[in-house]
Amino acid sequence: MTDEPQVAVTDNPEESRYEVRVDGTLAGFAAYETDPGTVIFVHTEVFEEYAGRGLAGQLAKAALGMVREAGGKIVPLCPYIRSYVRKHAPEYDDLLRSPLSD
């Protein structure tokens, strides 16, 4: 038995967002729009009561992994996702629909 909180990231297409949950409670999300074969990340948010736990990074990593698994591409309009992709280059370069510019 562990006292560590259970963190799960899932896609919620009805809400057009990837969600991060801690022990089943919604803790944040990465909102997106879609274009055929492309996920356009528009906003990422972790709720204040869950800040400082690394959840945004876990959310970004899992969401990008789900896009990769589905064979899609991304457009990171959201500043957090854009920064995450840059920080972890070249790991996610293959997901970019077009190269990042400043």
N, C-alpha and C. Protein backbone atom coordinates (compact mmCIF):
# COMPACT_ATOMS: atom_id res chain seq x y z
N MET A 1 0.85 -1.19 0.00
CA MET A 1 0.00 0.00 0.00
C MET A 1 0.89 1.24 0.00
N THR A 2 0.48 2.22 -0.77
CA THR A 2 1.26 3.45 -0.87
C THR A 2 0.41 4.65 -0.50
N ASP A 3 1.08 5.64 0.06
CA ASP A 3 0.39 6.88 0.39
C ASP A 3 0.54 7.92 -0.72
N GLU A 4 1.29 7.55 -1.76
CA GLU A 4 1.47 8.46 -2.89
C GLU A 4 0.13 8.66 -3.60
N PRO A 5 -0.17 9.92 -3.94
CA PRO A 5 -1.41 10.15 -4.68
C PRO A 5 -1.34 9.49 -6.06
N GLN A 6 -2.47 9.02 -6.52
CA GLN A 6 -2.56 8.40 -7.83
C GLN A 6 -2.85 9.47 -8.88
N VAL A 7 -1.94 9.62 -9.82
CA VAL A 7 -2.08 10.62 -10.87
C VAL A 7 -2.40 9.90 -12.18
N ALA A 8 -3.43 10.38 -12.87
CA ALA A 8 -3.83 9.79 -14.15
C ALA A 8 -4.11 10.90 -15.14
N VAL A 9 -3.68 10.69 -16.38
CA VAL A 9 -3.96 11.64 -17.47
C VAL A 9 -4.79 10.91 -18.51
N THR A 10 -5.89 11.53 -18.90
CA THR A 10 -6.78 10.94 -19.90
C THR A 10 -7.19 12.00 -20.91
N ASP A 11 -7.61 11.54 -22.08
CA ASP A 11 -8.17 12.42 -23.09
C ASP A 11 -9.67 12.49 -22.85
N ASN A 12 -10.21 13.69 -22.83
CA ASN A 12 -11.65 13.88 -22.72
C ASN A 12 -12.11 14.62 -23.98
N PRO A 13 -12.34 13.87 -25.08
CA PRO A 13 -12.67 14.52 -26.35
C PRO A 13 -13.98 15.32 -26.31
N GLU A 14 -14.90 14.95 -25.42
CA GLU A 14 -16.15 15.70 -25.31
C GLU A 14 -15.90 17.13 -24.84
N GLU A 15 -14.86 17.31 -24.03
CA GLU A 15 -14.49 18.64 -23.52
C GLU A 15 -13.30 19.23 -24.29
N SER A 16 -12.78 18.49 -25.26
CA SER A 16 -11.60 18.89 -26.05
C SER A 16 -10.43 19.24 -25.14
N ARG A 17 -10.10 18.29 -24.27
CA ARG A 17 -8.96 18.52 -23.38
C ARG A 17 -8.42 17.21 -22.83
N TYR A 18 -7.12 17.25 -22.55
CA TYR A 18 -6.49 16.18 -21.79
C TYR A 18 -6.60 16.61 -20.34
N GLU A 19 -6.96 15.67 -19.47
CA GLU A 19 -7.17 16.00 -18.06
C GLU A 19 -6.20 15.24 -17.18
N VAL A 20 -5.71 15.92 -16.14
CA VAL A 20 -4.89 15.26 -15.13
C VAL A 20 -5.74 15.20 -13.86
N ARG A 21 -5.80 14.02 -13.29
CA ARG A 21 -6.57 13.80 -12.06
C ARG A 21 -5.66 13.25 -10.98
N VAL A 22 -5.89 13.71 -9.77
CA VAL A 22 -5.16 13.23 -8.61
C VAL A 22 -6.18 12.53 -7.71
N ASP A 23 -5.95 11.24 -7.49
CA ASP A 23 -6.89 10.43 -6.72
C ASP A 23 -8.32 10.60 -7.23
N GLY A 24 -8.47 10.69 -8.55
CA GLY A 24 -9.78 10.78 -9.18
C GLY A 24 -10.36 12.17 -9.29
N THR A 25 -9.71 13.16 -8.70
CA THR A 25 -10.23 14.53 -8.72
C THR A 25 -9.50 15.35 -9.80
N LEU A 26 -10.27 16.05 -10.61
CA LEU A 26 -9.69 16.87 -11.66
C LEU A 26 -8.75 17.90 -11.05
N ALA A 27 -7.49 17.91 -11.52
CA ALA A 27 -6.48 18.83 -10.99
C ALA A 27 -6.00 19.81 -12.04
N GLY A 28 -6.31 19.57 -13.32
CA GLY A 28 -5.89 20.47 -14.38
C GLY A 28 -6.20 19.87 -15.73
N PHE A 29 -5.86 20.64 -16.78
CA PHE A 29 -6.17 20.19 -18.13
C PHE A 29 -5.31 20.91 -19.15
N ALA A 30 -5.24 20.32 -20.33
CA ALA A 30 -4.62 20.94 -21.50
C ALA A 30 -5.70 20.96 -22.58
N ALA A 31 -6.25 22.15 -22.82
CA ALA A 31 -7.32 22.31 -23.80
C ALA A 31 -6.75 22.30 -25.22
N TYR A 32 -7.53 21.75 -26.13
CA TYR A 32 -7.08 21.67 -27.52
C TYR A 32 -8.23 21.85 -28.49
N GLU A 33 -7.83 22.15 -29.71
CA GLU A 33 -8.72 22.13 -30.86
C GLU A 33 -8.13 21.08 -31.79
N THR A 34 -8.91 20.62 -32.73
CA THR A 34 -8.38 19.64 -33.67
C THR A 34 -8.55 20.11 -35.10
N ASP A 35 -7.63 19.67 -35.91
CA ASP A 35 -7.64 19.82 -37.35
C ASP A 35 -7.31 18.40 -37.80
N PRO A 36 -7.83 17.91 -38.90
CA PRO A 36 -7.57 16.51 -39.23
C PRO A 36 -6.10 16.11 -39.03
N GLY A 37 -5.91 15.15 -38.13
CA GLY A 37 -4.58 14.62 -37.85
C GLY A 37 -3.71 15.51 -36.97
N THR A 38 -4.27 16.62 -36.46
CA THR A 38 -3.49 17.56 -35.68
C THR A 38 -4.23 17.97 -34.42
N VAL A 39 -3.49 18.02 -33.32
CA VAL A 39 -4.00 18.54 -32.05
C VAL A 39 -3.36 19.90 -31.84
N ILE A 40 -4.19 20.92 -31.71
CA ILE A 40 -3.72 22.30 -31.51
C ILE A 40 -3.92 22.63 -30.04
N PHE A 41 -2.82 22.64 -29.28
CA PHE A 41 -2.90 22.94 -27.85
C PHE A 41 -3.08 24.45 -27.67
N VAL A 42 -4.14 24.84 -26.95
CA VAL A 42 -4.45 26.26 -26.81
C VAL A 42 -4.31 26.78 -25.37
N HIS A 43 -4.39 25.92 -24.37
CA HIS A 43 -4.31 26.40 -22.99
C HIS A 43 -4.04 25.22 -22.05
N THR A 44 -3.12 25.42 -21.12
CA THR A 44 -2.86 24.41 -20.09
C THR A 44 -3.01 25.08 -18.74
N GLU A 45 -3.66 24.38 -17.84
CA GLU A 45 -3.90 24.94 -16.51
C GLU A 45 -3.88 23.82 -15.47
N VAL A 46 -3.17 24.07 -14.38
CA VAL A 46 -3.24 23.21 -13.20
C VAL A 46 -3.85 24.08 -12.10
N PHE A 47 -4.86 23.58 -11.45
CA PHE A 47 -5.57 24.36 -10.44
C PHE A 47 -4.65 24.69 -9.27
N GLU A 48 -4.85 25.86 -8.69
CA GLU A 48 -3.96 26.41 -7.67
C GLU A 48 -3.68 25.44 -6.52
N GLU A 49 -4.68 24.72 -6.09
CA GLU A 49 -4.48 23.80 -4.97
C GLU A 49 -3.58 22.61 -5.31
N TYR A 50 -3.28 22.43 -6.60
CA TYR A 50 -2.40 21.34 -7.03
C TYR A 50 -1.07 21.85 -7.58
N ALA A 51 -0.84 23.14 -7.50
CA ALA A 51 0.38 23.74 -8.02
C ALA A 51 1.61 23.22 -7.28
N GLY A 52 2.73 23.19 -8.01
CA GLY A 52 4.00 22.81 -7.40
C GLY A 52 4.24 21.33 -7.23
N ARG A 53 3.42 20.51 -7.84
CA ARG A 53 3.57 19.06 -7.73
C ARG A 53 4.09 18.41 -9.01
N GLY A 54 4.40 19.22 -10.01
CA GLY A 54 4.89 18.68 -11.28
C GLY A 54 3.80 18.12 -12.17
N LEU A 55 2.56 18.46 -11.87
CA LEU A 55 1.45 17.89 -12.64
C LEU A 55 1.39 18.42 -14.07
N ALA A 56 1.77 19.67 -14.28
CA ALA A 56 1.74 20.22 -15.64
C ALA A 56 2.69 19.43 -16.55
N GLY A 57 3.87 19.12 -16.04
CA GLY A 57 4.82 18.34 -16.82
C GLY A 57 4.32 16.93 -17.10
N GLN A 58 3.71 16.31 -16.09
CA GLN A 58 3.16 14.97 -16.29
C GLN A 58 2.03 15.01 -17.32
N LEU A 59 1.22 16.05 -17.25
CA LEU A 59 0.12 16.23 -18.19
C LEU A 59 0.65 16.40 -19.61
N ALA A 60 1.64 17.28 -19.77
CA ALA A 60 2.22 17.52 -21.10
C ALA A 60 2.82 16.25 -21.67
N LYS A 61 3.63 15.56 -20.87
CA LYS A 61 4.29 14.33 -21.35
C LYS A 61 3.26 13.29 -21.78
N ALA A 62 2.23 13.09 -20.97
CA ALA A 62 1.22 12.08 -21.29
C ALA A 62 0.40 12.48 -22.52
N ALA A 63 0.01 13.75 -22.59
CA ALA A 63 -0.79 14.22 -23.73
C ALA A 63 0.00 14.08 -25.03
N LEU A 64 1.26 14.50 -25.00
CA LEU A 64 2.09 14.37 -26.20
C LEU A 64 2.29 12.90 -26.57
N GLY A 65 2.41 12.05 -25.58
CA GLY A 65 2.52 10.61 -25.84
C GLY A 65 1.28 10.05 -26.49
N MET A 66 0.10 10.53 -26.06
CA MET A 66 -1.15 10.05 -26.66
C MET A 66 -1.27 10.52 -28.10
N VAL A 67 -0.84 11.76 -28.38
CA VAL A 67 -0.87 12.25 -29.76
C VAL A 67 0.07 11.40 -30.62
N ARG A 68 1.26 11.12 -30.10
CA ARG A 68 2.22 10.30 -30.84
C ARG A 68 1.64 8.91 -31.11
N GLU A 69 1.06 8.31 -30.10
CA GLU A 69 0.49 6.96 -30.24
C GLU A 69 -0.61 6.92 -31.30
N ALA A 70 -1.35 8.02 -31.42
CA ALA A 70 -2.43 8.10 -32.41
C ALA A 70 -1.90 8.47 -33.80
N GLY A 71 -0.60 8.75 -33.90
CA GLY A 71 -0.02 9.09 -35.19
C GLY A 71 -0.29 10.52 -35.62
N GLY A 72 -0.61 11.38 -34.66
CA GLY A 72 -0.95 12.76 -34.98
C GLY A 72 0.23 13.71 -34.92
N LYS A 73 -0.05 14.95 -35.22
CA LYS A 73 0.89 16.06 -35.15
C LYS A 73 0.33 17.09 -34.17
N ILE A 74 1.18 18.03 -33.76
CA ILE A 74 0.73 19.07 -32.82
C ILE A 74 1.08 20.45 -33.34
N VAL A 75 0.30 21.41 -32.87
CA VAL A 75 0.61 22.84 -32.99
C VAL A 75 0.51 23.37 -31.56
N PRO A 76 1.65 23.69 -30.94
CA PRO A 76 1.64 24.13 -29.55
C PRO A 76 1.45 25.65 -29.40
N LEU A 77 0.21 26.11 -29.53
CA LEU A 77 -0.07 27.53 -29.34
C LEU A 77 0.01 27.91 -27.86
N CYS A 78 -0.32 26.97 -26.99
CA CYS A 78 -0.25 27.19 -25.55
C CYS A 78 1.20 27.42 -25.14
N PRO A 79 1.48 28.51 -24.40
CA PRO A 79 2.86 28.79 -23.98
C PRO A 79 3.50 27.66 -23.18
N TYR A 80 2.73 26.99 -22.32
CA TYR A 80 3.33 25.92 -21.52
C TYR A 80 3.74 24.74 -22.40
N ILE A 81 2.85 24.29 -23.26
CA ILE A 81 3.17 23.14 -24.14
C ILE A 81 4.31 23.51 -25.07
N ARG A 82 4.31 24.74 -25.60
CA ARG A 82 5.39 25.20 -26.47
C ARG A 82 6.72 25.14 -25.72
N SER A 83 6.75 25.63 -24.50
CA SER A 83 7.96 25.63 -23.68
C SER A 83 8.40 24.20 -23.37
N TYR A 84 7.46 23.33 -23.07
CA TYR A 84 7.76 21.93 -22.75
C TYR A 84 8.41 21.25 -23.96
N VAL A 85 7.85 21.47 -25.14
CA VAL A 85 8.40 20.86 -26.36
C VAL A 85 9.81 21.38 -26.61
N ARG A 86 10.01 22.68 -26.45
CA ARG A 86 11.35 23.27 -26.63
C ARG A 86 12.34 22.68 -25.64
N LYS A 87 11.93 22.62 -24.38
CA LYS A 87 12.81 22.13 -23.31
C LYS A 87 13.23 20.68 -23.56
N HIS A 88 12.36 19.89 -24.15
CA HIS A 88 12.63 18.48 -24.36
C HIS A 88 13.01 18.14 -25.80
N ALA A 89 13.41 19.16 -26.55
CA ALA A 89 13.85 18.92 -27.94
C ALA A 89 15.11 18.06 -27.90
N PRO A 90 15.28 17.19 -28.84
CA PRO A 90 14.46 16.95 -30.03
C PRO A 90 13.40 15.85 -29.84
N GLU A 91 13.14 15.46 -28.60
CA GLU A 91 12.24 14.34 -28.33
C GLU A 91 10.87 14.48 -29.00
N TYR A 92 10.35 15.70 -29.09
CA TYR A 92 9.01 15.89 -29.64
C TYR A 92 9.00 16.58 -31.00
N ASP A 93 10.17 16.79 -31.58
CA ASP A 93 10.25 17.48 -32.87
C ASP A 93 9.44 16.78 -33.95
N ASP A 94 9.38 15.45 -33.89
CA ASP A 94 8.64 14.70 -34.90
C ASP A 94 7.13 14.93 -34.82
N LEU A 95 6.66 15.45 -33.70
CA LEU A 95 5.23 15.70 -33.55
C LEU A 95 4.80 17.05 -34.12
N LEU A 96 5.74 17.95 -34.29
CA LEU A 96 5.41 19.30 -34.74
C LEU A 96 4.93 19.32 -36.18
N ARG A 97 3.79 19.96 -36.39
CA ARG A 97 3.30 20.10 -37.76
C ARG A 97 4.22 21.00 -38.57
N SER A 98 4.79 21.99 -37.90
CA SER A 98 5.81 22.84 -38.53
C SER A 98 6.79 23.25 -37.44
N PRO A 99 8.03 23.57 -37.81
CA PRO A 99 9.04 23.90 -36.80
C PRO A 99 8.61 25.09 -35.94
N LEU A 100 9.05 25.08 -34.69
CA LEU A 100 8.75 26.18 -33.79
C LEU A 100 9.53 27.42 -34.20
N SER A 101 8.87 28.55 -34.13
CA SER A 101 9.56 29.82 -34.35
C SER A 101 9.37 30.65 -33.08
N ASP A 102 10.18 31.64 -32.91
CA ASP A 102 10.07 32.46 -31.69
C ASP A 102 8.93 33.41 -31.72
